[in-house]
C-alpha atoms as a PDB file:
ATOM      1  CA  MET A   1       0.000   0.000   0.000  1.00  0.00           C
ATOM      2  CA  LYS A   2       1.384   3.414  -0.990  1.00  0.00           C
ATOM      3  CA  PRO A   3       1.915   5.836   1.943  1.00  0.00           C
ATOM      4  CA  ASP A   4      -0.327   8.807   2.624  1.00  0.00           C
ATOM      5  CA  ILE A   5       1.151  12.237   3.167  1.00  0.00           C
ATOM      6  CA  GLN A   6       0.163  14.199   6.258  1.00  0.00           C
ATOM      7  CA  ILE A   7       0.557  17.996   6.273  1.00  0.00           C
ATOM      8  CA  TYR A   8       1.064  19.951   9.497  1.00  0.00           C
ATOM      9  CA  ASP A   9       1.413  23.640  10.287  1.00  0.00           C
ATOM     10  CA  TYR A  10       1.790  25.575  13.551  1.00  0.00           C
ATOM     11  CA  TYR A  11      -1.884  25.301  14.447  1.00  0.00           C
ATOM     12  CA  SER A  12      -2.109  21.559  13.858  1.00  0.00           C
ATOM     13  CA  LEU A  13       1.114  21.008  15.813  1.00  0.00           C
ATOM     14  CA  HIS A  14       0.075  23.213  18.726  1.00  0.00           C
ATOM     15  CA  GLY A  15      -1.133  20.998  21.526  1.00  0.00           C
ATOM     16  CA  SER A  16       0.448  17.902  19.976  1.00  0.00           C
ATOM     17  CA  VAL A  17       4.076  18.805  20.656  1.00  0.00           C
ATOM     18  CA  ASN A  18       5.123  18.707  24.316  1.00  0.00           C
ATOM     19  CA  SER A  19       6.700  22.160  24.246  1.00  0.00           C
ATOM     20  CA  LYS A  20       5.844  25.224  26.303  1.00  0.00           C
ATOM     21  CA  SER A  21       5.154  27.354  23.235  1.00  0.00           C
ATOM     22  CA  TYR A  22       4.590  30.899  24.483  1.00  0.00           C
ATOM     23  CA  ILE A  23       5.656  32.293  21.122  1.00  0.00           C
ATOM     24  CA  GLU A  24       3.479  31.816  18.071  1.00  0.00           C
ATOM     25  CA  ASN A  25       5.070  29.864  15.221  1.00  0.00           C
ATOM     26  CA  PHE A  26       7.859  28.496  17.428  1.00  0.00           C
ATOM     27  CA  PHE A  27       8.491  25.192  19.256  1.00  0.00           C
ATOM     28  CA  ILE A  28      11.493  23.893  21.177  1.00  0.00           C
ATOM     29  CA  PHE A  29      11.854  20.520  22.942  1.00  0.00           C
ATOM     30  CA  ASP A  30      14.457  17.913  23.874  1.00  0.00           C
ATOM     31  CA  ASP A  31      12.352  14.929  24.959  1.00  0.00           C
ATOM     32  CA  ILE A  32      11.910  12.491  22.073  1.00  0.00           C
ATOM     33  CA  ASN A  33       9.712  10.159  24.148  1.00  0.00           C
ATOM     34  CA  SER A  34       7.040  12.717  24.989  1.00  0.00           C
ATOM     35  CA  PHE A  35       7.213  14.128  21.465  1.00  0.00           C
ATOM     36  CA  THR A  36       6.621  10.809  19.726  1.00  0.00           C
ATOM     37  CA  GLN A  37       3.889   9.875  22.207  1.00  0.00           C
ATOM     38  CA  ASP A  38       2.025  13.182  21.897  1.00  0.00           C
ATOM     39  CA  PHE A  39       2.567  13.526  18.163  1.00  0.00           C
ATOM     40  CA  HIS A  40       1.306  10.038  17.317  1.00  0.00           C
ATOM     41  CA  PHE A  41       4.611   8.297  16.554  1.00  0.00           C
ATOM     42  CA  ASN A  42       2.987   5.869  14.124  1.00  0.00           C
ATOM     43  CA  THR A  43       2.136   8.828  11.896  1.00  0.00           C
ATOM     44  CA  ILE A  44       5.700  10.097  11.546  1.00  0.00           C
ATOM     45  CA  ILE A  45       7.430   6.707  11.515  1.00  0.00           C
ATOM     46  CA  ASN A  46       5.093   5.015   9.014  1.00  0.00           C
ATOM     47  CA  TYR A  47       4.000   7.823   6.709  1.00  0.00           C
ATOM     48  CA  PRO A  48       5.610  10.732   4.870  1.00  0.00           C
ATOM     49  CA  ILE A  49       4.624  14.119   6.292  1.00  0.00           C
ATOM     50  CA  ARG A  50       5.118  17.717   5.253  1.00  0.00           C
ATOM     51  CA  LEU A  51       5.615  20.707   7.541  1.00  0.00           C
ATOM     52  CA  GLY A  52       5.186  24.250   6.324  1.00  0.00           C
ATOM     53  CA  MET A  53       7.902  25.164   8.828  1.00  0.00           C
ATOM     54  CA  VAL A  54      11.684  24.894   9.256  1.00  0.00           C
ATOM     55  CA  VAL A  55      12.787  21.932  11.402  1.00  0.00           C
ATOM     56  CA  GLY A  56      16.203  21.886  13.057  1.00  0.00           C
ATOM     57  CA  ILE A  57      17.249  18.659  14.816  1.00  0.00           C
ATOM     58  CA  ILE A  58      20.416  18.460  16.922  1.00  0.00           C
ATOM     59  CA  CYS A  59      21.596  14.899  17.574  1.00  0.00           C
ATOM     60  CA  ARG A  60      23.114  14.702  21.074  1.00  0.00           C
ATOM     61  CA  LYS A  61      23.402  10.915  21.203  1.00  0.00           C
ATOM     62  CA  GLY A  62      22.545   7.839  19.121  1.00  0.00           C
ATOM     63  CA  TYR A  63      21.344   8.199  15.543  1.00  0.00           C
ATOM     64  CA  MET A  64      18.285   8.787  13.393  1.00  0.00           C
ATOM     65  CA  LYS A  65      17.651   7.709   9.798  1.00  0.00           C
ATOM     66  CA  ILE A  66      15.280   9.905   7.833  1.00  0.00           C
ATOM     67  CA  ARG A  67      13.984  10.102   4.285  1.00  0.00           C
ATOM     68  CA  ILE A  68      13.690  13.595   2.821  1.00  0.00           C
ATOM     69  CA  GLY A  69      12.106  13.711  -0.594  1.00  0.00           C
ATOM     70  CA  LEU A  70      13.687  10.853  -2.505  1.00  0.00           C
ATOM     71  CA  GLU A  71      16.860  10.382  -0.450  1.00  0.00           C
ATOM     72  CA  TYR A  72      17.796   8.832   2.912  1.00  0.00           C
ATOM     73  CA  PHE A  73      20.050  10.591   5.433  1.00  0.00           C
ATOM     74  CA  VAL A  74      21.512   9.528   8.772  1.00  0.00           C
ATOM     75  CA  ILE A  75      22.378  11.958  11.558  1.00  0.00           C
ATOM     76  CA  ALA A  76      24.539  10.779  14.425  1.00  0.00           C
ATOM     77  CA  GLU A  77      26.043  12.392  17.527  1.00  0.00           C
ATOM     78  CA  ASP A  78      27.214  16.009  17.042  1.00  0.00           C
ATOM     79  CA  MET A  79      25.271  16.505  13.821  1.00  0.00           C
ATOM     80  CA  VAL A  80      22.507  18.937  12.876  1.00  0.00           C
ATOM     81  CA  LEU A  81      19.709  18.252  10.386  1.00  0.00           C
ATOM     82  CA  ILE A  82      17.735  21.015   8.660  1.00  0.00           C
ATOM     83  CA  ILE A  83      14.389  20.275   6.978  1.00  0.00           C
ATOM     84  CA  LEU A  84      13.025  23.096   4.842  1.00  0.00           C
ATOM     85  CA  PRO A  85       9.352  24.143   4.643  1.00  0.00           C
ATOM     86  CA  GLU A  86       7.253  22.026   2.271  1.00  0.00           C
ATOM     87  CA  GLN A  87       9.838  19.234   2.064  1.00  0.00           C
ATOM     88  CA  ILE A  88       8.283  15.793   2.435  1.00  0.00           C
ATOM     89  CA  PHE A  89      10.005  13.631   5.034  1.00  0.00           C
ATOM     90  CA  GLN A  90       9.575  10.348   6.881  1.00  0.00           C
ATOM     91  CA  LEU A  91      11.407   8.928   9.886  1.00  0.00           C
ATOM     92  CA  ALA A  92      12.830   5.532   8.989  1.00  0.00           C
ATOM     93  CA  GLU A  93      14.698   4.502  12.132  1.00  0.00           C
ATOM     94  CA  ILE A  94      15.631   5.884  15.562  1.00  0.00           C
ATOM     95  CA  SER A  95      18.203   4.231  17.826  1.00  0.00           C
ATOM     96  CA  PRO A  96      17.056   3.317  21.376  1.00  0.00           C
ATOM     97  CA  ASP A  97      19.563   5.772  22.891  1.00  0.00           C
ATOM     98  CA  PHE A  98      18.655   8.665  20.569  1.00  0.00           C
ATOM     99  CA  GLN A  99      18.713  12.086  22.247  1.00  0.00           C
ATOM    100  CA  LEU A 100      17.911  15.308  20.452  1.00  0.00           C
ATOM    101  CA  GLY A 101      17.329  18.994  20.639  1.00  0.00           C
ATOM    102  CA  CYS A 102      14.629  20.177  18.239  1.00  0.00           C
ATOM    103  CA  ILE A 103      13.459  23.590  17.087  1.00  0.00           C
ATOM    104  CA  ILE A 104      10.472  24.063  14.766  1.00  0.00           C
ATOM    105  CA  LEU A 105       9.696  27.547  13.494  1.00  0.00           C
ATOM    106  CA  GLU A 106       8.063  29.472  10.669  1.00  0.00           C
ATOM    107  CA  LYS A 107      10.476  30.363   7.868  1.00  0.00           C
ATOM    108  CA  ASP A 108       9.967  34.096   8.469  1.00  0.00           C
ATOM    109  CA  PHE A 109      10.414  33.826  12.267  1.00  0.00           C
ATOM    110  CA  PHE A 110      13.641  35.734  11.767  1.00  0.00           C
ATOM    111  CA  ASP A 111      14.719  37.503   8.612  1.00  0.00           C
ATOM    112  CA  ILE A 112      17.940  37.044   6.650  1.00  0.00           C
ATOM    113  CA  GLN A 113      16.424  38.382   3.454  1.00  0.00           C
ATOM    114  CA  ASN A 114      18.593  41.496   3.765  1.00  0.00           C
ATOM    115  CA  ASP A 115      21.290  39.216   2.335  1.00  0.00           C
ATOM    116  CA  PHE A 116      19.179  37.639  -0.402  1.00  0.00           C
ATOM    117  CA  LYS A 117      22.044  35.843  -2.162  1.00  0.00           C
ATOM    118  CA  MET A 118      23.203  34.212   1.060  1.00  0.00           C
ATOM    119  CA  ALA A 119      19.643  33.182   1.921  1.00  0.00           C
ATOM    120  CA  LEU A 120      19.195  31.596  -1.507  1.00  0.00           C
ATOM    121  CA  ASP A 121      22.596  29.857  -1.391  1.00  0.00           C
ATOM    122  CA  LEU A 122      21.850  28.398   2.044  1.00  0.00           C
ATOM    123  CA  GLN A 123      18.397  27.234   1.005  1.00  0.00           C
ATOM    124  CA  ASN A 124      19.857  25.484  -2.031  1.00  0.00           C
ATOM    125  CA  PHE A 125      22.617  23.921   0.072  1.00  0.00           C
ATOM    126  CA  PHE A 126      20.281  22.625   2.781  1.00  0.00           C
ATOM    127  CA  PHE A 127      17.971  21.276   0.097  1.00  0.00           C
ATOM    128  CA  ARG A 128      20.821  19.177  -1.337  1.00  0.00           C
ATOM    129  CA  GLN A 129      22.667  18.411   1.893  1.00  0.00           C
ATOM    130  CA  PRO A 130      20.518  18.803   5.021  1.00  0.00           C
ATOM    131  CA  CYS A 131      23.073  17.295   7.449  1.00  0.00           C
ATOM    132  CA  VAL A 132      25.905  19.287   9.050  1.00  0.00           C
ATOM    133  CA  ALA A 133      28.616  17.640  11.192  1.00  0.00           C
ATOM    134  CA  LEU A 134      29.916  19.763  14.080  1.00  0.00           C
ATOM    135  CA  LEU A 135      33.181  19.711  16.011  1.00  0.00           C
ATOM    136  CA  LYS A 136      32.851  19.028  19.764  1.00  0.00           C
ATOM    137  CA  LYS A 137      33.521  22.703  20.500  1.00  0.00           C
ATOM    138  CA  GLU A 138      30.874  23.793  17.984  1.00  0.00           C
ATOM    139  CA  MET A 139      28.367  21.281  19.345  1.00  0.00           C
ATOM    140  CA  LYS A 140      28.930  22.558  22.885  1.00  0.00           C
ATOM    141  CA  GLU A 141      28.228  26.130  21.771  1.00  0.00           C
ATOM    142  CA  VAL A 142      25.104  25.085  19.845  1.00  0.00           C
ATOM    143  CA  MET A 143      23.724  23.230  22.885  1.00  0.00           C
ATOM    144  CA  THR A 144      24.521  26.193  25.165  1.00  0.00           C
ATOM    145  CA  ILE A 145      22.428  28.469  22.937  1.00  0.00           C
ATOM    146  CA  PHE A 146      19.688  25.819  22.626  1.00  0.00           C
ATOM    147  CA  ASN A 147      19.448  25.507  26.432  1.00  0.00           C
ATOM    148  CA  LEU A 148      19.370  29.295  26.860  1.00  0.00           C
ATOM    149  CA  ILE A 149      16.424  29.496  24.456  1.00  0.00           C
ATOM    150  CA  LYS A 150      14.626  26.672  26.266  1.00  0.00           C
ATOM    151  CA  GLU A 151      15.177  28.309  29.672  1.00  0.00           C
ATOM    152  CA  LYS A 152      13.860  31.665  28.452  1.00  0.00           C
ATOM    153  CA  ILE A 153      10.773  30.020  26.957  1.00  0.00           C
ATOM    154  CA  GLU A 154      10.055  28.096  30.174  1.00  0.00           C
ATOM    155  CA  GLU A 155      10.533  31.195  32.362  1.00  0.00           C
ATOM    156  CA  ASN A 156       8.182  33.265  30.173  1.00  0.00           C
ATOM    157  CA  THR A 157       8.801  36.394  32.264  1.00  0.00           C
ATOM    158  CA  ASN A 158      10.554  38.723  29.832  1.00  0.00           C
ATOM    159  CA  LEU A 159       8.491  41.371  28.058  1.00  0.00           C
ATOM    160  CA  PHE A 160      10.734  40.975  25.010  1.00  0.00           C
ATOM    161  CA  LEU A 161      10.739  37.182  24.980  1.00  0.00           C
ATOM    162  CA  LYS A 162      10.161  36.835  21.233  1.00  0.00           C
ATOM    163  CA  GLU A 163      12.885  39.348  20.358  1.00  0.00           C
ATOM    164  CA  ILE A 164      15.375  37.618  22.677  1.00  0.00           C
ATOM    165  CA  VAL A 165      14.570  34.202  21.219  1.00  0.00           C
ATOM    166  CA  GLN A 166      14.867  35.592  17.681  1.00  0.00           C
ATOM    167  CA  THR A 167      18.352  36.879  18.542  1.00  0.00           C
ATOM    168  CA  TYR A 168      19.409  33.523  19.983  1.00  0.00           C
ATOM    169  CA  ILE A 169      18.025  31.741  16.919  1.00  0.00           C
ATOM    170  CA  ARG A 170      19.988  34.095  14.671  1.00  0.00           C
ATOM    171  CA  ILE A 171      23.202  33.307  16.602  1.00  0.00           C
ATOM    172  CA  LEU A 172      22.454  29.578  16.432  1.00  0.00           C
ATOM    173  CA  PHE A 173      21.702  29.792  12.716  1.00  0.00           C
ATOM    174  CA  TYR A 174      24.896  31.652  11.827  1.00  0.00           C
ATOM    175  CA  ASN A 175      27.019  29.295  13.940  1.00  0.00           C
ATOM    176  CA  VAL A 176      25.711  26.290  12.015  1.00  0.00           C
ATOM    177  CA  CYS A 177      26.006  28.119   8.687  1.00  0.00           C
ATOM    178  CA  SER A 178      29.613  29.067   9.413  1.00  0.00           C
ATOM    179  CA  THR A 179      30.471  25.384   9.832  1.00  0.00           C
ATOM    180  CA  LEU A 180      28.493  24.516   6.732  1.00  0.00           C
ATOM    181  CA  LEU A 181      30.133  27.140   4.520  1.00  0.00           C
ATOM    182  CA  LYS A 182      33.641  26.249   5.719  1.00  0.00           C
ATOM    183  CA  SER A 183      33.072  22.605   4.828  1.00  0.00           C
ATOM    184  CA  LYS A 184      31.602  23.682   1.491  1.00  0.00           C
ATOM    185  CA  GLU A 185      34.757  25.647   0.655  1.00  0.00           C
ATOM    186  CA  LYS A 186      36.939  22.581   1.284  1.00  0.00           C
ATOM    187  CA  GLY A 187      35.009  20.391  -1.130  1.00  0.00           C
ATOM    188  CA  ILE A 188      36.116  20.304  -4.753  1.00  0.00           C
ATOM    189  CA  LYS A 189      33.342  19.344  -7.138  1.00  0.00           C
ATOM    190  CA  THR A 190      33.630  18.246 -10.737  1.00  0.00           C
ATOM    191  CA  ARG A 191      31.755  20.223 -13.369  1.00  0.00           C
ATOM    192  CA  LYS A 192      29.369  17.277 -13.767  1.00  0.00           C
ATOM    193  CA  GLU A 193      28.552  17.362 -10.041  1.00  0.00           C
ATOM    194  CA  GLU A 194      27.967  21.113 -10.220  1.00  0.00           C
ATOM    195  CA  ILE A 195      25.584  20.686 -13.161  1.00  0.00           C
ATOM    196  CA  PHE A 196      23.736  17.904 -11.327  1.00  0.00           C
ATOM    197  CA  GLU A 197      23.285  20.085  -8.223  1.00  0.00           C
ATOM    198  CA  GLU A 198      22.105  23.003 -10.350  1.00  0.00           C
ATOM    199  CA  PHE A 199      19.718  20.667 -12.185  1.00  0.00           C
ATOM    200  CA  VAL A 200      18.168  19.425  -8.915  1.00  0.00           C
ATOM    201  CA  SER A 201      17.867  23.004  -7.679  1.00  0.00           C
ATOM    202  CA  LEU A 202      16.131  24.065 -10.913  1.00  0.00           C
ATOM    203  CA  LEU A 203      13.918  20.990 -10.807  1.00  0.00           C
ATOM    204  CA  SER A 204      12.754  21.682  -7.253  1.00  0.00           C
ATOM    205  CA  LEU A 205      11.670  25.180  -8.318  1.00  0.00           C
ATOM    206  CA  HIS A 206      10.127  24.465 -11.724  1.00  0.00           C
ATOM    207  CA  PHE A 207       8.912  20.852 -11.881  1.00  0.00           C
ATOM    208  CA  HIS A 208       5.314  22.033 -11.368  1.00  0.00           C
ATOM    209  CA  LYS A 209       5.352  23.658 -14.798  1.00  0.00           C
ATOM    210  CA  GLU A 210       8.400  22.348 -16.647  1.00  0.00           C
ATOM    211  CA  GLN A 211       8.560  18.586 -17.163  1.00  0.00           C
ATOM    212  CA  LYS A 212      10.457  18.348 -20.434  1.00  0.00           C
ATOM    213  CA  ILE A 213      14.168  17.544 -20.315  1.00  0.00           C
ATOM    214  CA  GLY A 214      14.741  20.028 -23.131  1.00  0.00           C
ATOM    215  CA  TRP A 215      13.743  22.964 -20.924  1.00  0.00           C
ATOM    216  CA  TYR A 216      16.407  22.060 -18.337  1.00  0.00           C
ATOM    217  CA  ALA A 217      19.004  21.210 -21.000  1.00  0.00           C
ATOM    218  CA  ASP A 218      18.575  24.687 -22.516  1.00  0.00           C
ATOM    219  CA  LYS A 219      19.541  26.238 -19.166  1.00  0.00           C
ATOM    220  CA  PHE A 220      22.948  24.562 -19.442  1.00  0.00           C
ATOM    221  CA  SER A 221      23.280  24.959 -23.230  1.00  0.00           C
ATOM    222  CA  LEU A 222      23.359  21.165 -23.510  1.00  0.00           C
ATOM    223  CA  THR A 223      21.378  18.691 -25.591  1.00  0.00           C
ATOM    224  CA  PRO A 224      18.667  16.770 -23.702  1.00  0.00           C
ATOM    225  CA  LYS A 225      20.476  13.513 -24.453  1.00  0.00           C
ATOM    226  CA  TYR A 226      23.785  14.733 -23.041  1.00  0.00           C
ATOM    227  CA  LEU A 227      22.181  16.239 -19.925  1.00  0.00           C
ATOM    228  CA  SER A 228      20.338  12.989 -19.209  1.00  0.00           C
ATOM    229  CA  LYS A 229      23.576  11.019 -19.660  1.00  0.00           C
ATOM    230  CA  LEU A 230      25.468  13.393 -17.355  1.00  0.00           C
ATOM    231  CA  ILE A 231      22.777  13.232 -14.656  1.00  0.00           C
ATOM    232  CA  TYR A 232      22.834   9.430 -14.852  1.00  0.00           C
ATOM    233  CA  GLU A 233      26.629   9.312 -14.453  1.00  0.00           C
ATOM    234  CA  VAL A 234      26.460  11.374 -11.251  1.00  0.00           C
ATOM    235  CA  SER A 235      23.254  10.052  -9.653  1.00  0.00           C
ATOM    236  CA  GLY A 236      22.474   6.688 -11.226  1.00  0.00           C
ATOM    237  CA  LYS A 237      19.155   8.023 -12.564  1.00  0.00           C
ATOM    238  CA  HIS A 238      18.419   9.748 -15.864  1.00  0.00           C
ATOM    239  CA  ALA A 239      17.060  13.305 -15.899  1.00  0.00           C
ATOM    240  CA  GLY A 240      13.632  12.061 -16.961  1.00  0.00           C
ATOM    241  CA  GLU A 241      13.461   9.792 -13.906  1.00  0.00           C
ATOM    242  CA  TRP A 242      14.264  12.701 -11.593  1.00  0.00           C
ATOM    243  CA  ILE A 243      11.513  14.792 -13.174  1.00  0.00           C
ATOM    244  CA  LYS A 244       9.003  11.932 -12.962  1.00  0.00           C
ATOM    245  CA  ASP A 245       9.836  11.197  -9.307  1.00  0.00           C
ATOM    246  CA  TYR A 246       9.347  14.835  -8.297  1.00  0.00           C
ATOM    247  CA  VAL A 247       6.034  15.115 -10.142  1.00  0.00           C
ATOM    248  CA  ILE A 248       4.636  11.833  -8.783  1.00  0.00           C
ATOM    249  CA  LEU A 249       5.686  12.579  -5.189  1.00  0.00           C
ATOM    250  CA  GLU A 250       4.048  16.009  -5.330  1.00  0.00           C
ATOM    251  CA  ALA A 251       0.944  14.573  -7.006  1.00  0.00           C
ATOM    252  CA  LYS A 252       0.555  12.008  -4.214  1.00  0.00           C
ATOM    253  CA  ALA A 253       0.957  14.727  -1.595  1.00  0.00           C
ATOM    254  CA  LEU A 254      -1.710  16.883  -3.208  1.00  0.00           C
ATOM    255  CA  LEU A 255      -4.096  13.983  -3.802  1.00  0.00           C
ATOM    256  CA  THR A 256      -3.997  12.721  -0.223  1.00  0.00           C
ATOM    257  CA  SER A 257      -3.513  15.926   1.730  1.00  0.00           C
ATOM    258  CA  SER A 258      -5.469  18.709   0.058  1.00  0.00           C
ATOM    259  CA  SER A 259      -9.022  19.612  -0.849  1.00  0.00           C
ATOM    260  CA  LEU A 260      -8.020  20.218  -4.467  1.00  0.00           C
ATOM    261  CA  THR A 261      -9.888  18.289  -7.134  1.00  0.00           C
ATOM    262  CA  VAL A 262      -8.043  16.068  -9.605  1.00  0.00           C
ATOM    263  CA  GLN A 263      -8.652  18.736 -12.252  1.00  0.00           C
ATOM    264  CA  GLN A 264      -7.120  21.445 -10.052  1.00  0.00           C
ATOM    265  CA  ILE A 265      -4.108  19.257  -9.252  1.00  0.00           C
ATOM    266  CA  SER A 266      -3.668  18.566 -12.942  1.00  0.00           C
ATOM    267  CA  GLU A 267      -3.555  22.314 -13.618  1.00  0.00           C
ATOM    268  CA  LYS A 268      -1.255  22.976 -10.658  1.00  0.00           C
ATOM    269  CA  LEU A 269       1.257  20.454 -12.000  1.00  0.00           C
ATOM    270  CA  GLY A 270       1.219  21.961 -15.470  1.00  0.00           C
ATOM    271  CA  PHE A 271      -0.557  19.196 -17.388  1.00  0.00           C
ATOM    272  CA  SER A 272      -2.458  20.225 -20.509  1.00  0.00           C
ATOM    273  CA  ASN A 273      -5.606  18.463 -19.295  1.00  0.00           C
ATOM    274  CA  GLN A 274      -6.905  16.076 -16.649  1.00  0.00           C
ATOM    275  CA  SER A 275      -6.783  13.112 -19.016  1.00  0.00           C
ATOM    276  CA  HIS A 276      -3.072  13.607 -19.676  1.00  0.00           C
ATOM    277  CA  PHE A 277      -2.394  13.863 -15.938  1.00  0.00           C
ATOM    278  CA  GLY A 278      -4.466  10.730 -15.280  1.00  0.00           C
ATOM    279  CA  SER A 279      -2.569   8.696 -17.866  1.00  0.00           C
ATOM    280  CA  TYR A 280       0.787   9.957 -16.556  1.00  0.00           C
ATOM    281  CA  PHE A 281      -0.057   9.183 -12.924  1.00  0.00           C
ATOM    282  CA  LYS A 282      -1.467   5.727 -13.666  1.00  0.00           C
ATOM    283  CA  ARG A 283       1.552   4.812 -15.812  1.00  0.00           C
ATOM    284  CA  TYR A 284       3.875   5.199 -12.814  1.00  0.00           C
ATOM    285  CA  THR A 285       1.637   4.187  -9.893  1.00  0.00           C
ATOM    286  CA  GLY A 286      -0.726   1.620 -11.383  1.00  0.00           C
ATOM    287  CA  VAL A 287      -3.878   3.460 -10.244  1.00  0.00           C
ATOM    288  CA  SER A 288      -5.796   6.513 -11.424  1.00  0.00           C
ATOM    289  CA  PRO A 289      -5.464   9.818  -9.500  1.00  0.00           C
ATOM    290  CA  ARG A 290      -9.119   9.648  -8.438  1.00  0.00           C
ATOM    291  CA  LYS A 291      -8.791   6.106  -7.089  1.00  0.00           C
ATOM    292  CA  TYR A 292      -5.557   6.989  -5.286  1.00  0.00           C
ATOM    293  CA  LYS A 293      -7.186  10.063  -3.721  1.00  0.00           C
ATOM    294  CA  TYR A 294     -10.298   8.381  -2.382  1.00  0.00           C
ATOM    295  CA  THR A 295      -8.864   5.012  -1.333  1.00  0.00           C
ATOM    296  CA  ARG A 296      -6.416   6.908   0.911  1.00  0.00           C
ATOM    297  CA  LYS A 297      -9.341   8.535   2.714  1.00  0.00           C
ATOM    298  CA  GLU A 298     -11.065   5.299   3.596  1.00  0.00           C
END
C-alpha cells in the first residue's frame, strides 16, 4: 500500500508537541519520548509528512535515519539536520539511545532576506545536503544556545521574549552556517557534479510547470540527451526519472492531503488536461489519480 502524506502547520502542531510554546510559530523541545507519544509516533514513523515550517534537529546521542524527498540521510552524535518548509520527510529509524534537541519555526520567524544571495545559497545547500557535522567545540556552543532558548521560553517572564529568542536563533543559525560554509569551501566538485546540483535546484523550483528535459538542457546549453547522460553518471538516474519522481511525489501529496480536485491538481502540475495527468499518474503508480485520492481517505 502506498503511503499517505500528512501535512502539518503551527496550528495543527500546537497541543500535539510537548513544548511550552509561548511564542506563536515556534516550538522547542528535547524529549523524544514525549514528542513521539504526543505527536502520534505511528504517523511520523510510518507515513511521509510535510511541515510548512523549518525543522532543526540536533543529535546529542545515538542516531536517526530519515527520508527527505527521494533520499535517505543519517544523523549521528554532534550533527545537525535542517528540513526546509514544504519538504516531504519520513522517519525511517531511531536508535534506542537517541537524544535530540529540536526547534520548529516558521520560515519568516527571523529575517535574513537582507542578504538575499546568502539566503538563496543556504536554502539550495540545505535542500541538497541537510546534514551538518559539528566539532565538539561547535556542538557545545550550539547546545549552550539551545538551552538558553529553552530556559527563556520556560521562564516566560521577559516582556521581550520573542525578540530575545529571535536573537538567539539568529546566533544559532549563523554558527551552524559558518560550519556549513567552511566545509563547502573545502570540497572540490567536478563540473558534472555542479551541473547535477544546479539541475536538482532548478527541478525543485520548476517541476510544477516544466517537465520536459529540453527545458532544463537549454539552461545549461546542452542537448537533452547529453544532460540525461550526465545526470545518470552522477546520480544513477536519468534526468527524466528525476523529473518523474518529483512530479509523482508532489501529485501524491496533493491527492492525499489537500481539498483540491483532480482537475485542479492537474492544472497545478502543469498538465495540458486532466486526461493527460491521469494517464501519466497511472503509468507510474498503477492506479488513477481519483482512485488513489479516495482510497487513501477510507
